């Protein structure tokens, strides 16, 4: 059978801090496999990449550097800033899904293959998703939070390799 590619599924997993091997999360805590969606930017980049092309029943140990996890800011709960992670994962179920829209192209309005803070702010204002939660006056704070996570080389722009959201549509080339 083919592996995971822009699909939905469930997996059993344990997440550990690499330096202490302390477990910080596990699907066993909830008593059932964890659901995931690939290609939508809902999980850390390292997990997204590590689950690619896995098959049902396959197990992997993923070593995820901080830059592909929670970066310099941590997750504000169990993962400290700058922590490298280890995930032991086993895919339990895979379901075909639709390929998400190329959000990167929608945000990158000038087509220069990188997203500026202004482009991000305009996209957030246009979609209105965060505005309803946080208020228009906090848009710059929201953009700053996004850039702390996404702008890993800290050049003031988010390029394709840094962007964790959907960036490849049916007919798009990377």
N, C-alpha and C. Protein backbone atom coordinates (compact mmCIF):
# COMPACT_ATOMS: atom_id res chain seq x y z
N UNK A 1 0.84 -1.20 0.00
CA UNK A 1 0.00 0.00 0.00
C UNK A 1 0.87 1.24 0.00
N UNK A 2 0.31 2.31 -0.49
CA UNK A 2 1.10 3.54 -0.58
C UNK A 2 1.15 4.24 0.77
N UNK A 3 2.15 5.04 0.94
CA UNK A 3 2.33 5.73 2.21
C UNK A 3 1.51 7.01 2.27
N UNK A 4 1.67 7.74 3.34
CA UNK A 4 0.92 8.95 3.60
C UNK A 4 1.36 10.06 2.66
N UNK A 5 0.41 10.76 2.07
CA UNK A 5 0.70 11.92 1.23
C UNK A 5 -0.52 12.82 1.21
N UNK A 6 -0.49 13.93 1.94
CA UNK A 6 -1.62 14.87 2.06
C UNK A 6 -2.88 14.13 2.46
N UNK A 7 -2.79 13.38 3.55
CA UNK A 7 -3.89 12.54 3.98
C UNK A 7 -4.18 12.72 5.46
N UNK A 8 -5.24 12.07 5.88
CA UNK A 8 -5.64 12.04 7.28
C UNK A 8 -5.28 10.67 7.83
N UNK A 9 -5.08 10.60 9.12
CA UNK A 9 -4.80 9.30 9.69
C UNK A 9 -4.78 9.36 11.19
N UNK A 10 -4.45 8.20 11.76
CA UNK A 10 -4.26 8.12 13.20
C UNK A 10 -2.93 7.42 13.46
N UNK A 11 -2.32 7.78 14.57
CA UNK A 11 -1.03 7.19 14.93
C UNK A 11 -0.92 7.10 16.44
N UNK A 12 -0.21 6.09 16.88
CA UNK A 12 0.20 6.01 18.28
C UNK A 12 1.56 6.70 18.35
N UNK A 13 1.79 7.49 19.38
CA UNK A 13 3.08 8.17 19.47
C UNK A 13 3.45 8.46 20.92
N UNK A 14 4.74 8.61 21.13
CA UNK A 14 5.30 9.10 22.39
C UNK A 14 6.31 10.18 22.00
N UNK A 15 6.22 11.34 22.65
CA UNK A 15 7.17 12.42 22.42
C UNK A 15 8.07 12.59 23.63
N UNK A 16 9.38 12.66 23.37
CA UNK A 16 10.37 12.79 24.44
C UNK A 16 11.27 13.99 24.19
N UNK A 17 11.75 14.61 25.27
CA UNK A 17 12.80 15.61 25.16
C UNK A 17 14.10 14.85 24.93
N UNK A 18 14.84 15.22 23.89
CA UNK A 18 16.02 14.44 23.53
C UNK A 18 17.10 14.46 24.61
N UNK A 19 17.29 15.61 25.27
CA UNK A 19 18.40 15.70 26.23
C UNK A 19 18.16 14.89 27.50
N UNK A 20 16.90 14.73 27.94
CA UNK A 20 16.63 14.01 29.18
C UNK A 20 15.83 12.72 28.97
N UNK A 21 15.32 12.54 27.77
CA UNK A 21 14.42 11.45 27.40
C UNK A 21 13.15 11.45 28.27
N UNK A 22 12.82 12.64 28.80
CA UNK A 22 11.59 12.80 29.57
C UNK A 22 10.40 12.87 28.60
N UNK A 23 9.39 12.04 28.85
CA UNK A 23 8.20 12.04 27.98
C UNK A 23 7.37 13.28 28.26
N UNK A 24 7.00 14.02 27.19
CA UNK A 24 6.19 15.21 27.39
C UNK A 24 4.80 15.07 26.82
N UNK A 25 4.57 14.08 25.96
CA UNK A 25 3.22 13.81 25.48
C UNK A 25 3.17 12.41 24.89
N UNK A 26 1.95 11.85 24.88
CA UNK A 26 1.79 10.50 24.37
C UNK A 26 0.33 10.28 24.01
N UNK A 27 0.10 9.56 22.92
CA UNK A 27 -1.27 9.21 22.55
C UNK A 27 -1.87 8.26 23.59
N UNK A 28 -1.03 7.56 24.32
CA UNK A 28 -1.52 6.63 25.35
C UNK A 28 -2.17 7.37 26.52
N UNK A 29 -1.85 8.67 26.68
CA UNK A 29 -2.47 9.46 27.74
C UNK A 29 -3.97 9.60 27.53
N UNK A 30 -4.40 9.59 26.27
CA UNK A 30 -5.83 9.73 25.96
C UNK A 30 -6.51 8.37 25.78
N UNK A 31 -5.71 7.30 25.71
CA UNK A 31 -6.26 5.97 25.57
C UNK A 31 -6.69 5.60 24.16
N UNK A 32 -6.36 6.46 23.19
CA UNK A 32 -6.69 6.14 21.79
C UNK A 32 -5.66 6.79 20.88
N UNK A 33 -5.51 6.27 19.66
CA UNK A 33 -4.55 6.88 18.72
C UNK A 33 -4.89 8.34 18.46
N UNK A 34 -3.89 9.12 18.13
CA UNK A 34 -4.06 10.54 17.85
C UNK A 34 -4.35 10.75 16.37
N UNK A 35 -5.31 11.61 16.06
CA UNK A 35 -5.63 11.93 14.66
C UNK A 35 -4.65 12.98 14.14
N UNK A 36 -4.37 12.92 12.86
CA UNK A 36 -3.52 13.93 12.23
C UNK A 36 -3.99 14.20 10.82
N UNK A 37 -3.57 15.38 10.32
CA UNK A 37 -3.82 15.79 8.94
C UNK A 37 -2.48 16.22 8.40
N UNK A 38 -2.03 15.60 7.33
CA UNK A 38 -0.76 16.02 6.72
C UNK A 38 -1.02 17.04 5.63
N UNK A 39 -0.05 17.92 5.44
CA UNK A 39 -0.14 18.89 4.36
C UNK A 39 -0.96 20.12 4.69
N UNK A 40 -1.41 20.26 5.94
CA UNK A 40 -2.24 21.39 6.32
C UNK A 40 -1.54 22.32 7.31
N UNK A 41 -0.35 21.96 7.77
CA UNK A 41 0.40 22.82 8.69
C UNK A 41 -0.11 22.80 10.12
N UNK A 42 -0.80 21.72 10.53
CA UNK A 42 -1.36 21.64 11.87
C UNK A 42 -0.42 21.04 12.91
N UNK A 43 0.72 20.53 12.48
CA UNK A 43 1.64 19.92 13.44
C UNK A 43 3.04 20.47 13.20
N UNK A 44 3.95 20.18 14.12
CA UNK A 44 5.31 20.68 13.96
C UNK A 44 5.92 20.10 12.67
N UNK A 45 6.82 20.88 12.08
CA UNK A 45 7.40 20.50 10.78
C UNK A 45 8.08 19.14 10.82
N UNK A 46 8.78 18.84 11.91
CA UNK A 46 9.51 17.58 12.00
C UNK A 46 8.60 16.36 11.97
N UNK A 47 7.44 16.46 12.64
CA UNK A 47 6.47 15.36 12.59
C UNK A 47 5.86 15.25 11.20
N UNK A 48 5.52 16.40 10.63
CA UNK A 48 4.95 16.43 9.28
C UNK A 48 5.88 15.71 8.29
N UNK A 49 7.17 16.05 8.36
CA UNK A 49 8.14 15.42 7.46
C UNK A 49 8.35 13.95 7.80
N UNK A 50 8.40 13.63 9.08
CA UNK A 50 8.68 12.27 9.51
C UNK A 50 7.56 11.29 9.18
N UNK A 51 6.33 11.76 9.14
CA UNK A 51 5.18 10.90 8.82
C UNK A 51 5.01 10.69 7.32
N UNK A 52 5.68 11.52 6.51
CA UNK A 52 5.56 11.40 5.05
C UNK A 52 5.88 9.99 4.60
N UNK A 53 5.06 9.45 3.74
CA UNK A 53 5.28 8.14 3.10
C UNK A 53 5.30 6.95 4.06
N UNK A 54 4.82 7.14 5.29
CA UNK A 54 4.70 6.00 6.19
C UNK A 54 3.49 5.17 5.80
N UNK A 55 3.54 3.90 6.09
CA UNK A 55 2.45 2.97 5.80
C UNK A 55 1.81 2.51 7.10
N UNK A 56 0.58 2.00 7.00
CA UNK A 56 -0.11 1.46 8.17
C UNK A 56 0.75 0.35 8.79
N UNK A 57 0.93 0.42 10.10
CA UNK A 57 1.73 -0.58 10.81
C UNK A 57 3.20 -0.24 10.90
N UNK A 58 3.65 0.73 10.11
CA UNK A 58 5.07 1.11 10.14
C UNK A 58 5.38 1.91 11.41
N UNK A 59 6.57 1.65 11.98
CA UNK A 59 7.03 2.37 13.16
C UNK A 59 8.31 3.13 12.81
N UNK A 60 8.44 4.33 13.35
CA UNK A 60 9.65 5.12 13.16
C UNK A 60 10.01 5.85 14.44
N UNK A 61 11.30 6.04 14.64
CA UNK A 61 11.80 6.94 15.68
C UNK A 61 12.30 8.19 14.95
N UNK A 62 11.67 9.31 15.26
CA UNK A 62 12.01 10.57 14.60
C UNK A 62 12.83 11.44 15.55
N UNK A 63 14.00 11.87 15.09
CA UNK A 63 14.83 12.82 15.84
C UNK A 63 14.55 14.18 15.21
N UNK A 64 13.94 15.07 15.99
CA UNK A 64 13.47 16.35 15.46
C UNK A 64 14.23 17.49 16.12
N UNK A 65 15.04 18.23 15.33
CA UNK A 65 15.75 19.37 15.91
C UNK A 65 14.77 20.49 16.27
N UNK A 66 15.14 21.31 17.24
CA UNK A 66 14.27 22.39 17.71
C UNK A 66 13.73 23.25 16.58
N UNK A 67 14.56 23.50 15.57
CA UNK A 67 14.14 24.37 14.46
C UNK A 67 12.95 23.78 13.69
N UNK A 68 12.77 22.45 13.76
CA UNK A 68 11.63 21.80 13.11
C UNK A 68 10.55 21.41 14.13
N UNK A 69 10.72 21.91 15.38
CA UNK A 69 9.76 21.60 16.44
C UNK A 69 9.16 22.93 16.94
N UNK A 70 9.50 23.31 18.17
CA UNK A 70 8.93 24.52 18.76
C UNK A 70 9.92 25.67 18.82
N UNK A 71 11.09 25.49 18.18
CA UNK A 71 12.06 26.57 18.03
C UNK A 71 12.55 27.16 19.34
N UNK A 72 12.84 28.44 19.27
CA UNK A 72 13.43 29.15 20.41
C UNK A 72 12.42 29.50 21.49
N UNK A 73 11.10 29.27 21.21
CA UNK A 73 10.11 29.70 22.20
C UNK A 73 9.46 28.56 22.97
N UNK A 74 9.68 27.29 22.55
CA UNK A 74 9.06 26.17 23.24
C UNK A 74 7.56 26.13 22.99
N UNK A 75 6.85 25.27 23.71
CA UNK A 75 5.41 25.16 23.50
C UNK A 75 4.61 25.77 24.65
N UNK A 76 5.27 26.46 25.56
CA UNK A 76 4.69 27.13 26.73
C UNK A 76 4.09 26.16 27.75
N UNK A 77 4.26 24.84 27.53
CA UNK A 77 3.74 23.86 28.49
C UNK A 77 4.87 22.93 28.93
N UNK A 78 5.21 21.97 28.06
CA UNK A 78 6.15 20.92 28.45
C UNK A 78 7.48 20.94 27.71
N UNK A 79 7.55 21.66 26.60
CA UNK A 79 8.77 21.68 25.79
C UNK A 79 9.47 23.02 25.99
N UNK A 80 10.66 23.00 26.58
CA UNK A 80 11.38 24.26 26.80
C UNK A 80 11.93 24.84 25.50
N UNK A 81 12.24 26.13 25.50
CA UNK A 81 12.83 26.76 24.31
C UNK A 81 14.09 26.02 23.86
N UNK A 82 14.23 25.85 22.55
CA UNK A 82 15.43 25.25 21.98
C UNK A 82 15.56 23.74 22.14
N UNK A 83 14.48 23.06 22.53
CA UNK A 83 14.56 21.62 22.79
C UNK A 83 14.48 20.79 21.51
N UNK A 84 15.42 19.85 21.36
CA UNK A 84 15.34 18.83 20.32
C UNK A 84 14.44 17.72 20.86
N UNK A 85 13.69 17.09 19.96
CA UNK A 85 12.69 16.11 20.38
C UNK A 85 12.91 14.75 19.72
N UNK A 86 12.38 13.72 20.35
CA UNK A 86 12.33 12.37 19.77
C UNK A 86 10.87 11.95 19.81
N UNK A 87 10.38 11.46 18.68
CA UNK A 87 9.03 10.89 18.63
C UNK A 87 9.13 9.45 18.17
N UNK A 88 8.52 8.55 18.92
CA UNK A 88 8.31 7.18 18.46
C UNK A 88 6.88 7.14 17.94
N UNK A 89 6.71 6.83 16.65
CA UNK A 89 5.38 6.85 16.04
C UNK A 89 5.09 5.52 15.34
N UNK A 90 3.81 5.16 15.35
CA UNK A 90 3.31 4.02 14.59
C UNK A 90 2.00 4.43 13.94
N UNK A 91 1.95 4.35 12.61
CA UNK A 91 0.73 4.70 11.89
C UNK A 91 -0.29 3.57 12.04
N UNK A 92 -1.49 3.92 12.50
CA UNK A 92 -2.55 2.95 12.74
C UNK A 92 -3.54 2.91 11.58
N UNK A 93 -3.82 4.09 10.99
CA UNK A 93 -4.85 4.19 9.95
C UNK A 93 -4.49 5.34 9.01
N UNK A 94 -4.80 5.19 7.73
CA UNK A 94 -4.61 6.25 6.74
C UNK A 94 -5.90 6.38 5.94
N UNK A 95 -6.28 7.63 5.70
CA UNK A 95 -7.45 7.90 4.87
C UNK A 95 -7.08 8.98 3.86
N UNK A 96 -7.39 8.75 2.61
CA UNK A 96 -7.09 9.74 1.57
C UNK A 96 -7.83 11.03 1.86
N UNK A 97 -7.18 12.13 1.59
CA UNK A 97 -7.80 13.43 1.78
C UNK A 97 -7.60 14.29 0.55
N UNK A 98 -8.13 15.48 0.59
CA UNK A 98 -7.95 16.40 -0.53
C UNK A 98 -6.67 17.20 -0.30
N UNK A 99 -6.02 17.58 -1.38
CA UNK A 99 -4.82 18.39 -1.27
C UNK A 99 -5.24 19.79 -0.85
N UNK A 100 -4.63 20.32 0.20
CA UNK A 100 -5.04 21.66 0.67
C UNK A 100 -4.64 22.74 -0.33
N UNK A 101 -5.30 23.89 -0.26
CA UNK A 101 -4.94 24.98 -1.16
C UNK A 101 -3.54 25.50 -0.85
N UNK A 102 -2.91 26.13 -1.83
CA UNK A 102 -1.58 26.70 -1.65
C UNK A 102 -1.72 28.02 -0.91
N UNK A 103 -1.67 27.96 0.41
CA UNK A 103 -1.82 29.15 1.24
C UNK A 103 -0.62 30.08 1.07
N UNK A 104 0.57 29.50 0.90
CA UNK A 104 1.77 30.32 0.73
C UNK A 104 1.57 31.31 -0.43
N UNK A 105 1.08 30.80 -1.57
CA UNK A 105 0.88 31.66 -2.75
C UNK A 105 -0.17 32.73 -2.47
N UNK A 106 -1.18 32.41 -1.67
CA UNK A 106 -2.22 33.40 -1.34
C UNK A 106 -1.67 34.52 -0.47
N UNK A 107 -0.75 34.18 0.44
CA UNK A 107 -0.18 35.19 1.34
C UNK A 107 0.88 36.02 0.60
N UNK A 108 1.67 35.37 -0.25
CA UNK A 108 2.77 36.01 -0.98
C UNK A 108 2.21 36.79 -2.18
N UNK A 109 1.56 37.91 -1.89
CA UNK A 109 0.82 38.64 -2.93
C UNK A 109 1.71 39.25 -4.01
N UNK A 110 2.98 39.56 -3.69
CA UNK A 110 3.86 40.13 -4.73
C UNK A 110 4.65 39.07 -5.48
N UNK A 111 4.46 37.79 -5.11
CA UNK A 111 5.06 36.69 -5.86
C UNK A 111 6.57 36.57 -5.77
N UNK A 112 7.18 37.14 -4.73
CA UNK A 112 8.65 37.09 -4.62
C UNK A 112 9.16 35.86 -3.87
N UNK A 113 8.28 34.89 -3.63
CA UNK A 113 8.63 33.62 -2.98
C UNK A 113 9.06 33.77 -1.53
N UNK A 114 8.64 34.88 -0.91
CA UNK A 114 8.85 35.05 0.53
C UNK A 114 7.72 35.92 1.07
N UNK A 115 7.36 35.67 2.32
CA UNK A 115 6.25 36.39 2.94
C UNK A 115 6.80 37.44 3.89
N UNK A 116 6.35 38.68 3.69
CA UNK A 116 6.75 39.77 4.59
C UNK A 116 5.72 39.87 5.72
N UNK A 117 6.07 40.63 6.75
CA UNK A 117 5.14 40.83 7.86
C UNK A 117 3.88 41.55 7.38
N UNK A 118 4.03 42.48 6.44
CA UNK A 118 2.86 43.19 5.90
C UNK A 118 1.94 42.23 5.14
N UNK A 119 2.54 41.34 4.33
CA UNK A 119 1.72 40.37 3.60
C UNK A 119 0.97 39.45 4.57
N UNK A 120 1.66 39.03 5.64
CA UNK A 120 1.02 38.17 6.63
C UNK A 120 -0.12 38.91 7.33
N UNK A 121 0.12 40.16 7.72
CA UNK A 121 -0.92 40.95 8.39
C UNK A 121 -2.13 41.14 7.48
N UNK A 122 -1.89 41.45 6.20
CA UNK A 122 -2.98 41.64 5.25
C UNK A 122 -3.78 40.36 5.08
N UNK A 123 -3.10 39.21 5.00
CA UNK A 123 -3.79 37.93 4.86
C UNK A 123 -4.67 37.65 6.08
N UNK A 124 -4.13 37.90 7.26
CA UNK A 124 -4.90 37.67 8.49
C UNK A 124 -6.12 38.58 8.53
N UNK A 125 -5.94 39.85 8.16
CA UNK A 125 -7.07 40.78 8.15
C UNK A 125 -8.13 40.36 7.12
N UNK A 126 -7.68 39.89 5.95
CA UNK A 126 -8.61 39.48 4.90
C UNK A 126 -9.38 38.23 5.29
N UNK A 127 -8.71 37.26 5.89
CA UNK A 127 -9.39 36.01 6.24
C UNK A 127 -10.21 36.18 7.52
N UNK A 128 -9.78 37.08 8.39
CA UNK A 128 -10.53 37.38 9.59
C UNK A 128 -10.49 36.33 10.68
N UNK A 129 -9.75 35.23 10.43
CA UNK A 129 -9.76 34.13 11.40
C UNK A 129 -9.25 34.55 12.77
N UNK A 130 -8.07 35.14 12.80
CA UNK A 130 -7.46 35.49 14.08
C UNK A 130 -8.09 36.75 14.65
N UNK A 131 -8.56 37.61 13.77
CA UNK A 131 -9.11 38.89 14.22
C UNK A 131 -10.27 38.67 15.18
N UNK A 132 -11.11 37.70 14.87
CA UNK A 132 -12.26 37.44 15.75
C UNK A 132 -11.82 36.93 17.11
N UNK A 133 -10.68 36.26 17.14
CA UNK A 133 -10.19 35.73 18.42
C UNK A 133 -9.40 36.76 19.21
N UNK A 134 -8.63 37.57 18.52
CA UNK A 134 -7.67 38.43 19.21
C UNK A 134 -7.96 39.93 19.09
N UNK A 135 -8.72 40.34 18.07
CA UNK A 135 -8.99 41.76 17.87
C UNK A 135 -8.00 42.38 16.91
N UNK A 136 -8.47 43.33 16.12
CA UNK A 136 -7.64 43.97 15.09
C UNK A 136 -6.41 44.64 15.68
N UNK A 137 -6.55 45.23 16.87
CA UNK A 137 -5.43 45.96 17.47
C UNK A 137 -4.24 45.06 17.77
N UNK A 138 -4.46 43.74 17.84
CA UNK A 138 -3.38 42.82 18.18
C UNK A 138 -2.77 42.12 16.97
N UNK A 139 -3.12 42.56 15.76
CA UNK A 139 -2.61 41.91 14.55
C UNK A 139 -1.08 41.86 14.53
N UNK A 140 -0.44 42.97 14.88
CA UNK A 140 1.03 42.98 14.85
C UNK A 140 1.61 41.99 15.85
N UNK A 141 0.96 41.83 17.00
CA UNK A 141 1.42 40.83 17.98
C UNK A 141 1.28 39.42 17.40
N UNK A 142 0.17 39.17 16.74
CA UNK A 142 -0.06 37.86 16.13
C UNK A 142 0.99 37.59 15.06
N UNK A 143 1.25 38.58 14.20
CA UNK A 143 2.25 38.43 13.15
C UNK A 143 3.62 38.18 13.76
N UNK A 144 3.95 38.92 14.81
CA UNK A 144 5.25 38.71 15.48
C UNK A 144 5.36 37.29 16.03
N UNK A 145 4.27 36.76 16.62
CA UNK A 145 4.28 35.39 17.13
C UNK A 145 4.51 34.39 15.99
N UNK A 146 3.82 34.61 14.87
CA UNK A 146 3.98 33.72 13.71
C UNK A 146 5.42 33.76 13.22
N UNK A 147 6.00 34.94 13.11
CA UNK A 147 7.36 35.07 12.61
C UNK A 147 8.38 34.48 13.58
N UNK A 148 8.12 34.51 14.89
CA UNK A 148 9.02 33.85 15.84
C UNK A 148 9.11 32.36 15.55
N UNK A 149 7.98 31.76 15.17
CA UNK A 149 7.95 30.33 14.86
C UNK A 149 8.45 30.02 13.45
N UNK A 150 8.05 30.82 12.48
CA UNK A 150 8.28 30.48 11.07
C UNK A 150 9.58 31.03 10.50
N UNK A 151 9.97 32.24 10.88
CA UNK A 151 11.16 32.88 10.29
C UNK A 151 12.42 32.36 10.97
N UNK A 152 12.78 31.12 10.66
CA UNK A 152 13.86 30.45 11.39
C UNK A 152 15.23 31.07 11.14
N UNK A 153 15.43 31.69 9.96
CA UNK A 153 16.73 32.34 9.74
C UNK A 153 16.72 33.81 10.17
N UNK A 154 15.58 34.26 10.71
CA UNK A 154 15.42 35.60 11.28
C UNK A 154 15.83 36.72 10.33
N UNK A 155 15.47 36.57 9.02
CA UNK A 155 15.79 37.63 8.05
C UNK A 155 14.61 38.57 7.82
N UNK A 156 13.53 38.40 8.58
CA UNK A 156 12.37 39.26 8.44
C UNK A 156 11.37 38.79 7.39
N UNK A 157 11.62 37.65 6.77
CA UNK A 157 10.73 37.07 5.77
C UNK A 157 10.58 35.58 6.04
N UNK A 158 9.45 35.02 5.61
CA UNK A 158 9.23 33.59 5.68
C UNK A 158 9.25 33.06 4.26
N UNK A 159 10.24 32.21 3.95
CA UNK A 159 10.30 31.65 2.60
C UNK A 159 9.63 30.27 2.59
N UNK A 160 9.58 29.65 1.39
CA UNK A 160 8.90 28.36 1.22
C UNK A 160 9.41 27.30 2.19
N UNK A 161 10.73 27.22 2.39
CA UNK A 161 11.27 26.16 3.23
C UNK A 161 10.92 26.36 4.70
N UNK A 162 10.67 27.61 5.11
CA UNK A 162 10.33 27.90 6.50
C UNK A 162 8.83 27.77 6.77
N UNK A 163 8.03 28.00 5.76
CA UNK A 163 6.56 28.05 5.92
C UNK A 163 6.00 26.68 6.27
N UNK A 164 5.23 26.59 7.35
CA UNK A 164 4.71 25.29 7.77
C UNK A 164 3.30 25.01 7.26
N UNK A 165 2.65 26.01 6.70
CA UNK A 165 1.29 25.81 6.19
C UNK A 165 1.30 25.18 4.80
N UNK A 166 0.09 24.94 4.25
CA UNK A 166 -0.01 24.35 2.91
C UNK A 166 0.65 25.24 1.86
N UNK A 167 1.49 24.64 1.02
CA UNK A 167 2.19 25.42 0.01
C UNK A 167 2.29 24.75 -1.33
N UNK A 168 1.60 23.64 -1.50
CA UNK A 168 1.68 22.98 -2.79
C UNK A 168 0.31 22.51 -3.19
N UNK A 169 -0.24 23.12 -4.22
CA UNK A 169 -1.54 22.70 -4.74
C UNK A 169 -1.36 21.62 -5.79
N UNK A 170 -2.47 21.22 -6.42
CA UNK A 170 -2.44 20.14 -7.40
C UNK A 170 -1.45 20.39 -8.54
N UNK A 171 -1.38 21.64 -9.01
CA UNK A 171 -0.58 21.91 -10.19
C UNK A 171 0.62 22.80 -9.88
N UNK A 172 1.00 22.91 -8.61
CA UNK A 172 2.12 23.76 -8.24
C UNK A 172 3.40 22.94 -8.17
N UNK A 173 4.48 23.53 -8.61
CA UNK A 173 5.80 22.94 -8.47
C UNK A 173 6.47 23.60 -7.29
N UNK A 174 7.23 22.83 -6.55
CA UNK A 174 7.98 23.43 -5.42
C UNK A 174 9.22 24.12 -5.90
